[in-house]
Amino acid sequence: MPQELDAHPPRPVPSAPSNNNETAMTSAQRKKLRALAHHLEPVVYIGKQGLTEAVIEKTDRSLNDHELIKVRFIEFKEEKKDLTAQLAEATNSELAGILGHVAILYREHEDPEQRKIDLSD
């Protein structure tokens, strides 16, 4: 059974997405992110322990390093939509899509000079 996330304090992060008006990501932006993520390998895996603090911390670090990551579900495949939503909320990231048992998460880097992805189309 996955751990509850209620005890995890929210992390202050500037608003994502990068369209600078604090609205939800558009379908065109999600499509662009899915295309950019196509060649990426998953960097976070959800295994038999479910969504743990370690998984949340690994996801947070990976988003800081890469902005766009894949999360693979080895276990809890039936709950992947709910778990992905919880993970996105816990890391202040946006869900770009779920393809099979892989979720694609995006969070704009805090430092404008280190941003790798431009969604301002």
PDB file of N, CA and C in Angstrom:
ATOM      1  N   MET A   1       0.827  -1.171   0.000  1.00  0.00           N
ATOM      2  CA  MET A   1       0.000   0.000   0.000  1.00  0.00           C
ATOM      3  C   MET A   1       0.881   1.247   0.000  1.00  0.00           C
ATOM      4  N   PRO A   2       0.613   2.253  -0.845  1.00  0.00           N
ATOM      5  CA  PRO A   2       1.443   3.450  -0.873  1.00  0.00           C
ATOM      6  C   PRO A   2       1.258   4.263   0.395  1.00  0.00           C
ATOM      7  N   GLN A   3       2.334   4.960   0.784  1.00  0.00           N
ATOM      8  CA  GLN A   3       2.266   5.816   1.949  1.00  0.00           C
ATOM      9  C   GLN A   3       1.420   7.041   1.654  1.00  0.00           C
ATOM     10  N   GLU A   4       0.791   7.549   2.712  1.00  0.00           N
ATOM     11  CA  GLU A   4       0.013   8.773   2.579  1.00  0.00           C
ATOM     12  C   GLU A   4       0.967   9.961   2.443  1.00  0.00           C
ATOM     13  N   LEU A   5       0.557  10.965   1.700  1.00  0.00           N
ATOM     14  CA  LEU A   5       1.408  12.120   1.449  1.00  0.00           C
ATOM     15  C   LEU A   5       1.038  13.327   2.296  1.00  0.00           C
ATOM     16  N   ASP A   6       0.069  13.185   3.195  1.00  0.00           N
ATOM     17  CA  ASP A   6      -0.390  14.321   3.977  1.00  0.00           C
ATOM     18  C   ASP A   6       0.724  14.931   4.822  1.00  0.00           C
ATOM     19  N   ALA A   7       1.696  14.131   5.250  1.00  0.00           N
ATOM     20  CA  ALA A   7       2.756  14.624   6.117  1.00  0.00           C
ATOM     21  C   ALA A   7       3.835  15.377   5.346  1.00  0.00           C
ATOM     22  N   HIS A   8       3.813  15.343   4.028  1.00  0.00           N
ATOM     23  CA  HIS A   8       4.842  15.987   3.222  1.00  0.00           C
ATOM     24  C   HIS A   8       4.520  17.468   3.060  1.00  0.00           C
ATOM     25  N   PRO A   9       5.376  18.360   3.593  1.00  0.00           N
ATOM     26  CA  PRO A   9       5.099  19.792   3.455  1.00  0.00           C
ATOM     27  C   PRO A   9       5.301  20.241   2.013  1.00  0.00           C
ATOM     28  N   PRO A  10       4.468  21.155   1.522  1.00  0.00           N
ATOM     29  CA  PRO A  10       4.648  21.635   0.155  1.00  0.00           C
ATOM     30  C   PRO A  10       5.945  22.411   0.019  1.00  0.00           C
ATOM     31  N   ARG A  11       6.584  22.250  -1.118  1.00  0.00           N
ATOM     32  CA  ARG A  11       7.852  22.920  -1.394  1.00  0.00           C
ATOM     33  C   ARG A  11       7.566  24.175  -2.201  1.00  0.00           C
ATOM     34  N   PRO A  12       8.037  25.346  -1.753  1.00  0.00           N
ATOM     35  CA  PRO A  12       7.779  26.565  -2.524  1.00  0.00           C
ATOM     36  C   PRO A  12       8.594  26.574  -3.812  1.00  0.00           C
ATOM     37  N   VAL A  13       7.903  26.722  -4.915  1.00  0.00           N
ATOM     38  CA  VAL A  13       8.534  26.732  -6.225  1.00  0.00           C
ATOM     39  C   VAL A  13       7.810  27.769  -7.062  1.00  0.00           C
ATOM     40  N   PRO A  14       8.520  28.486  -7.914  1.00  0.00           N
ATOM     41  CA  PRO A  14       7.827  29.423  -8.788  1.00  0.00           C
ATOM     42  C   PRO A  14       6.836  28.678  -9.664  1.00  0.00           C
ATOM     43  N   SER A  15       5.864  29.391 -10.133  1.00  0.00           N
ATOM     44  CA  SER A  15       4.803  28.738 -10.881  1.00  0.00           C
ATOM     45  C   SER A  15       5.336  28.080 -12.139  1.00  0.00           C
ATOM     46  N   ALA A  16       4.908  26.881 -12.374  1.00  0.00           N
ATOM     47  CA  ALA A  16       5.088  26.206 -13.650  1.00  0.00           C
ATOM     48  C   ALA A  16       3.693  26.127 -14.207  1.00  0.00           C
ATOM     49  N   PRO A  17       3.477  26.248 -15.414  1.00  0.00           N
ATOM     50  CA  PRO A  17       4.319  26.230 -16.572  1.00  0.00           C
ATOM     51  C   PRO A  17       4.980  27.573 -16.874  1.00  0.00           C
ATOM     52  N   SER A  18       5.770  27.568 -17.944  1.00  0.00           N
ATOM     53  CA  SER A  18       6.590  28.725 -18.244  1.00  0.00           C
ATOM     54  C   SER A  18       5.872  29.786 -19.065  1.00  0.00           C
ATOM     55  N   ASN A  19       4.569  29.733 -19.170  1.00  0.00           N
ATOM     56  CA  ASN A  19       3.888  30.753 -19.951  1.00  0.00           C
ATOM     57  C   ASN A  19       3.615  31.999 -19.133  1.00  0.00           C
ATOM     58  N   ASN A  20       4.183  32.071 -17.914  1.00  0.00           N
ATOM     59  CA  ASN A  20       4.244  33.273 -17.076  1.00  0.00           C
ATOM     60  C   ASN A  20       2.900  33.851 -16.662  1.00  0.00           C
ATOM     61  N   ASN A  21       1.802  33.112 -16.757  1.00  0.00           N
ATOM     62  CA  ASN A  21       0.546  33.675 -16.292  1.00  0.00           C
ATOM     63  C   ASN A  21      -0.195  32.729 -15.356  1.00  0.00           C
ATOM     64  N   GLU A  22       0.486  31.767 -14.776  1.00  0.00           N
ATOM     65  CA  GLU A  22      -0.025  30.879 -13.756  1.00  0.00           C
ATOM     66  C   GLU A  22      -1.281  30.120 -14.167  1.00  0.00           C
ATOM     67  N   THR A  23      -1.481  29.889 -15.445  1.00  0.00           N
ATOM     68  CA  THR A  23      -2.598  29.065 -15.887  1.00  0.00           C
ATOM     69  C   THR A  23      -2.096  27.655 -16.132  1.00  0.00           C
ATOM     70  N   ALA A  24      -3.035  26.740 -16.265  1.00  0.00           N
ATOM     71  CA  ALA A  24      -2.664  25.357 -16.526  1.00  0.00           C
ATOM     72  C   ALA A  24      -2.003  25.248 -17.897  1.00  0.00           C
ATOM     73  N   MET A  25      -1.235  24.199 -18.037  1.00  0.00           N
ATOM     74  CA  MET A  25      -0.548  23.955 -19.287  1.00  0.00           C
ATOM     75  C   MET A  25      -1.565  23.676 -20.406  1.00  0.00           C
ATOM     76  N   THR A  26      -1.316  24.202 -21.578  1.00  0.00           N
ATOM     77  CA  THR A  26      -2.212  23.962 -22.709  1.00  0.00           C
ATOM     78  C   THR A  26      -1.944  22.590 -23.306  1.00  0.00           C
ATOM     79  N   SER A  27      -2.874  22.119 -24.110  1.00  0.00           N
ATOM     80  CA  SER A  27      -2.685  20.811 -24.747  1.00  0.00           C
ATOM     81  C   SER A  27      -1.507  20.856 -25.727  1.00  0.00           C
ATOM     82  N   ALA A  28      -1.267  21.996 -26.353  1.00  0.00           N
ATOM     83  CA  ALA A  28      -0.123  22.119 -27.259  1.00  0.00           C
ATOM     84  C   ALA A  28       1.195  22.027 -26.486  1.00  0.00           C
ATOM     85  N   GLN A  29       1.235  22.616 -25.305  1.00  0.00           N
ATOM     86  CA  GLN A  29       2.438  22.536 -24.482  1.00  0.00           C
ATOM     87  C   GLN A  29       2.669  21.105 -24.007  1.00  0.00           C
ATOM     88  N   ARG A  30       1.589  20.431 -23.585  1.00  0.00           N
ATOM     89  CA  ARG A  30       1.728  19.024 -23.165  1.00  0.00           C
ATOM     90  C   ARG A  30       2.203  18.162 -24.333  1.00  0.00           C
ATOM     91  N   LYS A  31       1.688  18.432 -25.520  1.00  0.00           N
ATOM     92  CA  LYS A  31       2.103  17.675 -26.705  1.00  0.00           C
ATOM     93  C   LYS A  31       3.590  17.887 -26.991  1.00  0.00           C
ATOM     94  N   LYS A  32       4.050  19.127 -26.879  1.00  0.00           N
ATOM     95  CA  LYS A  32       5.466  19.431 -27.090  1.00  0.00           C
ATOM     96  C   LYS A  32       6.332  18.694 -26.069  1.00  0.00           C
ATOM     97  N   LEU A  33       5.902  18.687 -24.797  1.00  0.00           N
ATOM     98  CA  LEU A  33       6.660  17.994 -23.752  1.00  0.00           C
ATOM     99  C   LEU A  33       6.695  16.489 -23.988  1.00  0.00           C
ATOM    100  N   ARG A  34       5.586  15.915 -24.417  1.00  0.00           N
ATOM    101  CA  ARG A  34       5.572  14.471 -24.718  1.00  0.00           C
ATOM    102  C   ARG A  34       6.539  14.152 -25.855  1.00  0.00           C
ATOM    103  N   ALA A  35       6.594  15.030 -26.855  1.00  0.00           N
ATOM    104  CA  ALA A  35       7.529  14.823 -27.967  1.00  0.00           C
ATOM    105  C   ALA A  35       8.976  14.930 -27.481  1.00  0.00           C
ATOM    106  N   LEU A  36       9.260  15.904 -26.630  1.00  0.00           N
ATOM    107  CA  LEU A  36      10.611  16.055 -26.093  1.00  0.00           C
ATOM    108  C   LEU A  36      11.000  14.877 -25.200  1.00  0.00           C
ATOM    109  N   ALA A  37      10.025  14.281 -24.540  1.00  0.00           N
ATOM    110  CA  ALA A  37      10.292  13.173 -23.621  1.00  0.00           C
ATOM    111  C   ALA A  37      10.435  11.839 -24.339  1.00  0.00           C
ATOM    112  N   HIS A  38      10.106  11.784 -25.607  1.00  0.00           N
ATOM    113  CA  HIS A  38      10.102  10.517 -26.343  1.00  0.00           C
ATOM    114  C   HIS A  38      11.408   9.739 -26.193  1.00  0.00           C
ATOM    115  N   HIS A  39      12.529  10.394 -26.318  1.00  0.00           N
ATOM    116  CA  HIS A  39      13.827   9.713 -26.280  1.00  0.00           C
ATOM    117  C   HIS A  39      14.356   9.481 -24.867  1.00  0.00           C
ATOM    118  N   LEU A  40      13.699  10.046 -23.860  1.00  0.00           N
ATOM    119  CA  LEU A  40      14.182   9.937 -22.484  1.00  0.00           C
ATOM    120  C   LEU A  40      13.912   8.552 -21.895  1.00  0.00           C
ATOM    121  N   GLU A  41      14.813   8.134 -21.018  1.00  0.00           N
ATOM    122  CA  GLU A  41      14.610   6.914 -20.242  1.00  0.00           C
ATOM    123  C   GLU A  41      14.012   7.305 -18.888  1.00  0.00           C
ATOM    124  N   PRO A  42      13.206   6.445 -18.282  1.00  0.00           N
ATOM    125  CA  PRO A  42      12.686   6.761 -16.948  1.00  0.00           C
ATOM    126  C   PRO A  42      13.826   6.915 -15.940  1.00  0.00           C
ATOM    127  N   VAL A  43      13.698   7.904 -15.058  1.00  0.00           N
ATOM    128  CA  VAL A  43      14.712   8.127 -14.027  1.00  0.00           C
ATOM    129  C   VAL A  43      14.164   7.821 -12.639  1.00  0.00           C
ATOM    130  N   VAL A  44      12.851   7.669 -12.522  1.00  0.00           N
ATOM    131  CA  VAL A  44      12.204   7.344 -11.256  1.00  0.00           C
ATOM    132  C   VAL A  44      11.325   6.129 -11.497  1.00  0.00           C
ATOM    133  N   TYR A  45      11.363   5.191 -10.537  1.00  0.00           N
ATOM    134  CA  TYR A  45      10.569   3.968 -10.643  1.00  0.00           C
ATOM    135  C   TYR A  45       9.693   3.834  -9.408  1.00  0.00           C
ATOM    136  N   ILE A  46       8.425   3.493  -9.631  1.00  0.00           N
ATOM    137  CA  ILE A  46       7.499   3.222  -8.535  1.00  0.00           C
ATOM    138  C   ILE A  46       7.418   1.711  -8.409  1.00  0.00           C
ATOM    139  N   GLY A  47       7.966   1.187  -7.306  1.00  0.00           N
ATOM    140  CA  GLY A  47       8.021  -0.251  -7.081  1.00  0.00           C
ATOM    141  C   GLY A  47       7.017  -0.714  -6.054  1.00  0.00           C
ATOM    142  N   LYS A  48       7.339  -1.818  -5.405  1.00  0.00           N
ATOM    143  CA  LYS A  48       6.380  -2.438  -4.495  1.00  0.00           C
ATOM    144  C   LYS A  48       6.109  -1.636  -3.233  1.00  0.00           C
ATOM    145  N   GLN A  49       6.968  -0.673  -2.889  1.00  0.00           N
ATOM    146  CA  GLN A  49       6.704   0.167  -1.717  1.00  0.00           C
ATOM    147  C   GLN A  49       5.810   1.354  -2.053  1.00  0.00           C
ATOM    148  N   GLY A  50       5.548   1.571  -3.315  1.00  0.00           N
ATOM    149  CA  GLY A  50       4.649   2.635  -3.731  1.00  0.00           C
ATOM    150  C   GLY A  50       5.292   4.000  -3.698  1.00  0.00           C
ATOM    151  N   LEU A  51       4.471   4.990  -3.435  1.00  0.00           N
ATOM    152  CA  LEU A  51       4.906   6.380  -3.442  1.00  0.00           C
ATOM    153  C   LEU A  51       5.431   6.738  -2.056  1.00  0.00           C
ATOM    154  N   THR A  52       6.739   6.668  -1.889  1.00  0.00           N
ATOM    155  CA  THR A  52       7.373   6.929  -0.608  1.00  0.00           C
ATOM    156  C   THR A  52       8.042   8.297  -0.609  1.00  0.00           C
ATOM    157  N   GLU A  53       8.504   8.717   0.549  1.00  0.00           N
ATOM    158  CA  GLU A  53       9.253   9.974   0.643  1.00  0.00           C
ATOM    159  C   GLU A  53      10.496   9.917  -0.242  1.00  0.00           C
ATOM    160  N   ALA A  54      11.145   8.770  -0.298  1.00  0.00           N
ATOM    161  CA  ALA A  54      12.342   8.622  -1.130  1.00  0.00           C
ATOM    162  C   ALA A  54      12.008   8.830  -2.602  1.00  0.00           C
ATOM    163  N   VAL A  55      10.881   8.322  -3.048  1.00  0.00           N
ATOM    164  CA  VAL A  55      10.456   8.503  -4.442  1.00  0.00           C
ATOM    165  C   VAL A  55      10.167   9.978  -4.708  1.00  0.00           C
ATOM    166  N   ILE A  56       9.502  10.635  -3.771  1.00  0.00           N
ATOM    167  CA  ILE A  56       9.197  12.057  -3.936  1.00  0.00           C
ATOM    168  C   ILE A  56      10.478  12.885  -3.987  1.00  0.00           C
ATOM    169  N   GLU A  57      11.428  12.584  -3.101  1.00  0.00           N
ATOM    170  CA  GLU A  57      12.700  13.321  -3.092  1.00  0.00           C
ATOM    171  C   GLU A  57      13.492  13.074  -4.373  1.00  0.00           C
ATOM    172  N   LYS A  58      13.524  11.829  -4.854  1.00  0.00           N
ATOM    173  CA  LYS A  58      14.224  11.505  -6.099  1.00  0.00           C
ATOM    174  C   LYS A  58      13.576  12.248  -7.275  1.00  0.00           C
ATOM    175  N   THR A  59      12.246  12.291  -7.296  1.00  0.00           N
ATOM    176  CA  THR A  59      11.530  13.003  -8.356  1.00  0.00           C
ATOM    177  C   THR A  59      11.847  14.485  -8.299  1.00  0.00           C
ATOM    178  N   ASP A  60      11.862  15.053  -7.099  1.00  0.00           N
ATOM    179  CA  ASP A  60      12.159  16.473  -6.927  1.00  0.00           C
ATOM    180  C   ASP A  60      13.566  16.800  -7.423  1.00  0.00           C
ATOM    181  N   ARG A  61      14.549  15.981  -7.032  1.00  0.00           N
ATOM    182  CA  ARG A  61      15.934  16.200  -7.489  1.00  0.00           C
ATOM    183  C   ARG A  61      16.039  16.056  -9.009  1.00  0.00           C
ATOM    184  N   SER A  62      15.368  15.059  -9.553  1.00  0.00           N
ATOM    185  CA  SER A  62      15.422  14.832 -11.003  1.00  0.00           C
ATOM    186  C   SER A  62      14.799  15.986 -11.767  1.00  0.00           C
ATOM    187  N   LEU A  63      13.693  16.525 -11.261  1.00  0.00           N
ATOM    188  CA  LEU A  63      13.070  17.679 -11.908  1.00  0.00           C
ATOM    189  C   LEU A  63      13.978  18.905 -11.833  1.00  0.00           C
ATOM    190  N   ASN A  64      14.694  19.071 -10.730  1.00  0.00           N
ATOM    191  CA  ASN A  64      15.652  20.177 -10.627  1.00  0.00           C
ATOM    192  C   ASN A  64      16.769  20.028 -11.646  1.00  0.00           C
ATOM    193  N   ASP A  65      17.205  18.793 -11.870  1.00  0.00           N
ATOM    194  CA  ASP A  65      18.307  18.542 -12.796  1.00  0.00           C
ATOM    195  C   ASP A  65      17.876  18.597 -14.260  1.00  0.00           C
ATOM    196  N   HIS A  66      16.681  18.098 -14.556  1.00  0.00           N
ATOM    197  CA  HIS A  66      16.304  17.882 -15.960  1.00  0.00           C
ATOM    198  C   HIS A  66      15.075  18.642 -16.431  1.00  0.00           C
ATOM    199  N   GLU A  67      14.225  19.117 -15.560  1.00  0.00           N
ATOM    200  CA  GLU A  67      12.946  19.764 -15.868  1.00  0.00           C
ATOM    201  C   GLU A  67      11.895  18.795 -16.391  1.00  0.00           C
ATOM    202  N   LEU A  68      12.271  17.866 -17.245  1.00  0.00           N
ATOM    203  CA  LEU A  68      11.342  16.918 -17.862  1.00  0.00           C
ATOM    204  C   LEU A  68      11.832  15.508 -17.578  1.00  0.00           C
ATOM    205  N   ILE A  69      10.986  14.691 -16.953  1.00  0.00           N
ATOM    206  CA  ILE A  69      11.406  13.338 -16.586  1.00  0.00           C
ATOM    207  C   ILE A  69      10.296  12.334 -16.861  1.00  0.00           C
ATOM    208  N   LYS A  70      10.701  11.079 -16.902  1.00  0.00           N
ATOM    209  CA  LYS A  70       9.743   9.978 -16.996  1.00  0.00           C
ATOM    210  C   LYS A  70       9.766   9.200 -15.687  1.00  0.00           C
ATOM    211  N   VAL A  71       8.581   8.762 -15.272  1.00  0.00           N
ATOM    212  CA  VAL A  71       8.411   7.949 -14.072  1.00  0.00           C
ATOM    213  C   VAL A  71       7.749   6.647 -14.503  1.00  0.00           C
ATOM    214  N   ARG A  72       8.409   5.518 -14.237  1.00  0.00           N
ATOM    215  CA  ARG A  72       7.887   4.222 -14.658  1.00  0.00           C
ATOM    216  C   ARG A  72       7.236   3.512 -13.479  1.00  0.00           C
ATOM    217  N   PHE A  73       6.078   2.935 -13.744  1.00  0.00           N
ATOM    218  CA  PHE A  73       5.345   2.168 -12.738  1.00  0.00           C
ATOM    219  C   PHE A  73       5.642   0.688 -12.928  1.00  0.00           C
ATOM    220  N   ILE A  74       6.413   0.114 -11.988  1.00  0.00           N
ATOM    221  CA  ILE A  74       6.689  -1.310 -11.980  1.00  0.00           C
ATOM    222  C   ILE A  74       5.539  -2.028 -11.258  1.00  0.00           C
ATOM    223  N   GLU A  75       5.073  -1.423 -10.179  1.00  0.00           N
ATOM    224  CA  GLU A  75       3.938  -1.903  -9.398  1.00  0.00           C
ATOM    225  C   GLU A  75       2.896  -0.779  -9.358  1.00  0.00           C
ATOM    226  N   PHE A  76       1.751  -1.042  -8.759  1.00  0.00           N
ATOM    227  CA  PHE A  76       0.667  -0.061  -8.607  1.00  0.00           C
ATOM    228  C   PHE A  76       0.214   0.487  -9.957  1.00  0.00           C
ATOM    229  N   LYS A  77       0.211  -0.354 -10.967  1.00  0.00           N
ATOM    230  CA  LYS A  77      -0.154   0.090 -12.310  1.00  0.00           C
ATOM    231  C   LYS A  77      -1.617   0.532 -12.399  1.00  0.00           C
ATOM    232  N   GLU A  78      -2.470  -0.098 -11.598  1.00  0.00           N
ATOM    233  CA  GLU A  78      -3.889   0.286 -11.612  1.00  0.00           C
ATOM    234  C   GLU A  78      -4.109   1.657 -10.980  1.00  0.00           C
ATOM    235  N   GLU A  79      -3.231   2.047 -10.066  1.00  0.00           N
ATOM    236  CA  GLU A  79      -3.372   3.326  -9.363  1.00  0.00           C
ATOM    237  C   GLU A  79      -2.480   4.416  -9.948  1.00  0.00           C
ATOM    238  N   LYS A  80      -1.918   4.201 -11.122  1.00  0.00           N
ATOM    239  CA  LYS A  80      -0.918   5.142 -11.637  1.00  0.00           C
ATOM    240  C   LYS A  80      -1.459   6.556 -11.836  1.00  0.00           C
ATOM    241  N   LYS A  81      -2.720   6.714 -12.220  1.00  0.00           N
ATOM    242  CA  LYS A  81      -3.249   8.070 -12.404  1.00  0.00           C
ATOM    243  C   LYS A  81      -3.309   8.824 -11.080  1.00  0.00           C
ATOM    244  N   ASP A  82      -3.820   8.163 -10.050  1.00  0.00           N
ATOM    245  CA  ASP A  82      -3.900   8.806  -8.737  1.00  0.00           C
ATOM    246  C   ASP A  82      -2.513   9.077  -8.154  1.00  0.00           C
ATOM    247  N   LEU A  83      -1.627   8.090  -8.255  1.00  0.00           N
ATOM    248  CA  LEU A  83      -0.277   8.259  -7.713  1.00  0.00           C
ATOM    249  C   LEU A  83       0.501   9.340  -8.458  1.00  0.00           C
ATOM    250  N   THR A  84       0.314   9.412  -9.768  1.00  0.00           N
ATOM    251  CA  THR A  84       0.987  10.441 -10.558  1.00  0.00           C
ATOM    252  C   THR A  84       0.479  11.826 -10.163  1.00  0.00           C
ATOM    253  N   ALA A  85      -0.818  11.958  -9.947  1.00  0.00           N
ATOM    254  CA  ALA A  85      -1.376  13.241  -9.513  1.00  0.00           C
ATOM    255  C   ALA A  85      -0.811  13.637  -8.146  1.00  0.00           C
ATOM    256  N   GLN A  86      -0.704  12.669  -7.231  1.00  0.00           N
ATOM    257  CA  GLN A  86      -0.134  12.949  -5.918  1.00  0.00           C
ATOM    258  C   GLN A  86       1.337  13.340  -6.030  1.00  0.00           C
ATOM    259  N   LEU A  87       2.071  12.646  -6.890  1.00  0.00           N
ATOM    260  CA  LEU A  87       3.485  12.946  -7.081  1.00  0.00           C
ATOM    261  C   LEU A  87       3.673  14.327  -7.696  1.00  0.00           C
ATOM    262  N   ALA A  88       2.855  14.664  -8.674  1.00  0.00           N
ATOM    263  CA  ALA A  88       2.937  15.988  -9.300  1.00  0.00           C
ATOM    264  C   ALA A  88       2.628  17.085  -8.287  1.00  0.00           C
ATOM    265  N   GLU A  89       1.627  16.858  -7.448  1.00  0.00           N
ATOM    266  CA  GLU A  89       1.282  17.849  -6.430  1.00  0.00           C
ATOM    267  C   GLU A  89       2.393  17.992  -5.393  1.00  0.00           C
ATOM    268  N   ALA A  90       2.966  16.876  -4.975  1.00  0.00           N
ATOM    269  CA  ALA A  90       4.020  16.902  -3.957  1.00  0.00           C
ATOM    270  C   ALA A  90       5.290  17.577  -4.458  1.00  0.00           C
ATOM    271  N   THR A  91       5.527  17.556  -5.760  1.00  0.00           N
ATOM    272  CA  THR A  91       6.742  18.136  -6.328  1.00  0.00           C
ATOM    273  C   THR A  91       6.483  19.443  -7.083  1.00  0.00           C
ATOM    274  N   ASN A  92       5.253  19.941  -7.035  1.00  0.00           N
ATOM    275  CA  ASN A  92       4.873  21.151  -7.774  1.00  0.00           C
ATOM    276  C   ASN A  92       5.218  21.043  -9.249  1.00  0.00           C
ATOM    277  N   SER A  93       4.930  19.900  -9.829  1.00  0.00           N
ATOM    278  CA  SER A  93       5.213  19.691 -11.245  1.00  0.00           C
ATOM    279  C   SER A  93       3.903  19.522 -12.005  1.00  0.00           C
ATOM    280  N   GLU A  94       4.019  19.502 -13.303  1.00  0.00           N
ATOM    281  CA  GLU A  94       2.869  19.341 -14.188  1.00  0.00           C
ATOM    282  C   GLU A  94       2.945  17.982 -14.864  1.00  0.00           C
ATOM    283  N   LEU A  95       1.815  17.328 -14.989  1.00  0.00           N
ATOM    284  CA  LEU A  95       1.735  16.062 -15.710  1.00  0.00           C
ATOM    285  C   LEU A  95       1.574  16.370 -17.191  1.00  0.00           C
ATOM    286  N   ALA A  96       2.545  15.941 -17.997  1.00  0.00           N
ATOM    287  CA  ALA A  96       2.467  16.148 -19.440  1.00  0.00           C
ATOM    288  C   ALA A  96       1.706  15.012 -20.109  1.00  0.00           C
ATOM    289  N   GLY A  97       1.693  13.838 -19.478  1.00  0.00           N
ATOM    290  CA  GLY A  97       0.952  12.715 -20.036  1.00  0.00           C
ATOM    291  C   GLY A  97       1.351  11.404 -19.399  1.00  0.00           C
ATOM    292  N   ILE A  98       0.518  10.410 -19.628  1.00  0.00           N
ATOM    293  CA  ILE A  98       0.808   9.048 -19.204  1.00  0.00           C
ATOM    294  C   ILE A  98       0.699   8.171 -20.439  1.00  0.00           C
ATOM    295  N   LEU A  99       1.779   7.472 -20.756  1.00  0.00           N
ATOM    296  CA  LEU A  99       1.816   6.572 -21.902  1.00  0.00           C
ATOM    297  C   LEU A  99       2.142   5.186 -21.390  1.00  0.00           C
ATOM    298  N   GLY A 100       1.188   4.280 -21.462  1.00  0.00           N
ATOM    299  CA  GLY A 100       1.404   2.952 -20.912  1.00  0.00           C
ATOM    300  C   GLY A 100       1.573   3.044 -19.417  1.00  0.00           C
ATOM    301  N   HIS A 101       2.691   2.550 -18.923  1.00  0.00           N
ATOM    302  CA  HIS A 101       2.974   2.591 -17.492  1.00  0.00           C
ATOM    303  C   HIS A 101       4.047   3.619 -17.172  1.00  0.00           C
ATOM    304  N   VAL A 102       4.147   4.650 -18.005  1.00  0.00           N
ATOM    305  CA  VAL A 102       5.149   5.701 -17.835  1.00  0.00           C
ATOM    306  C   VAL A 102       4.458   7.060 -17.803  1.00  0.00           C
ATOM    307  N   ALA A 103       4.749   7.824 -16.744  1.00  0.00           N
ATOM    308  CA  ALA A 103       4.222   9.183 -16.610  1.00  0.00           C
ATOM    309  C   ALA A 103       5.327  10.168 -16.972  1.00  0.00           C
ATOM    310  N   ILE A 104       4.946  11.277 -17.583  1.00  0.00           N
ATOM    311  CA  ILE A 104       5.890  12.331 -17.956  1.00  0.00           C
ATOM    312  C   ILE A 104       5.574  13.556 -17.110  1.00  0.00           C
ATOM    313  N   LEU A 105       6.561  14.001 -16.324  1.00  0.00           N
ATOM    314  CA  LEU A 105       6.394  15.160 -15.448  1.00  0.00           C
ATOM    315  C   LEU A 105       7.320  16.293 -15.881  1.00  0.00           C
ATOM    316  N   TYR A 106       6.847  17.524 -15.714  1.00  0.00           N
ATOM    317  CA  TYR A 106       7.615  18.709 -16.084  1.00  0.00           C
ATOM    318  C   TYR A 106       7.519  19.744 -14.967  1.00  0.00           C
ATOM    319  N   ARG A 107       8.640  20.373 -14.675  1.00  0.00           N
ATOM    320  CA  ARG A 107       8.667  21.533 -13.796  1.00  0.00           C
ATOM    321  C   ARG A 107       9.751  22.473 -14.293  1.00  0.00           C
ATOM    322  N   GLU A 108       9.359  23.699 -14.558  1.00  0.00           N
ATOM    323  CA  GLU A 108      10.298  24.718 -15.021  1.00  0.00           C
ATOM    324  C   GLU A 108      11.351  24.969 -13.950  1.00  0.00           C
ATOM    325  N   HIS A 109      12.595  25.105 -14.374  1.00  0.00           N
ATOM    326  CA  HIS A 109      13.685  25.366 -13.435  1.00  0.00           C
ATOM    327  C   HIS A 109      13.524  26.747 -12.819  1.00  0.00           C
ATOM    328  N   GLU A 110      13.869  26.866 -11.531  1.00  0.00           N
ATOM    329  CA  GLU A 110      13.743  28.140 -10.817  1.00  0.00           C
ATOM    330  C   GLU A 110      14.630  29.228 -11.414  1.00  0.00           C
ATOM    331  N   ASP A 111      15.829  28.854 -11.851  1.00  0.00           N
ATOM    332  CA  ASP A 111      16.792  29.805 -12.401  1.00  0.00           C
ATOM    333  C   ASP A 111      16.576  29.940 -13.910  1.00  0.00           C
ATOM    334  N   PRO A 112      16.176  31.124 -14.386  1.00  0.00           N
ATOM    335  CA  PRO A 112      15.921  31.294 -15.824  1.00  0.00           C
ATOM    336  C   PRO A 112      17.115  30.929 -16.707  1.00  0.00           C
ATOM    337  N   GLU A 113      18.341  31.087 -16.197  1.00  0.00           N
ATOM    338  CA  GLU A 113      19.522  30.776 -17.002  1.00  0.00           C
ATOM    339  C   GLU A 113      19.755  29.279 -17.139  1.00  0.00           C
ATOM    340  N   GLN A 114      19.158  28.486 -16.254  1.00  0.00           N
ATOM    341  CA  GLN A 114      19.337  27.041 -16.317  1.00  0.00           C
ATOM    342  C   GLN A 114      18.156  26.325 -16.963  1.00  0.00           C
ATOM    343  N   ARG A 115      17.180  27.059 -17.439  1.00  0.00           N
ATOM    344  CA  ARG A 115      16.020  26.454 -18.098  1.00  0.00           C
ATOM    345  C   ARG A 115      16.443  25.861 -19.436  1.00  0.00           C
ATOM    346  N   LYS A 116      15.984  24.652 -19.679  1.00  0.00           N
ATOM    347  CA  LYS A 116      16.345  23.941 -20.900  1.00  0.00           C
ATOM    348  C   LYS A 116      15.194  23.886 -21.888  1.00  0.00           C
ATOM    349  N   ILE A 117      13.977  24.081 -21.412  1.00  0.00           N
ATOM    350  CA  ILE A 117      12.784  23.924 -22.247  1.00  0.00           C
ATOM    351  C   ILE A 117      12.025  25.230 -22.302  1.00  0.00           C
ATOM    352  N   ASP A 118      11.666  25.658 -23.516  1.00  0.00           N
ATOM    353  CA  ASP A 118      10.893  26.875 -23.714  1.00  0.00           C
ATOM    354  C   ASP A 118       9.507  26.477 -24.220  1.00  0.00           C
ATOM    355  N   LEU A 119       8.484  26.764 -23.432  1.00  0.00           N
ATOM    356  CA  LEU A 119       7.112  26.431 -23.823  1.00  0.00           C
ATOM    357  C   LEU A 119       6.333  27.646 -24.312  1.00  0.00           C
ATOM    358  N   SER A 120       6.986  28.733 -24.573  1.00  0.00           N
ATOM    359  CA  SER A 120       6.299  29.981 -24.947  1.00  0.00           C
ATOM    360  C   SER A 120       5.988  30.033 -26.445  1.00  0.00           C
ATOM    361  N   ASP A 121       5.296  29.038 -26.932  1.00  0.00           N
ATOM    362  CA  ASP A 121       4.914  29.026 -28.361  1.00  0.00           C
ATOM    363  C   ASP A 121       3.502  29.462 -28.557  1.00  0.00           C
TER     364      ASP A 121
END
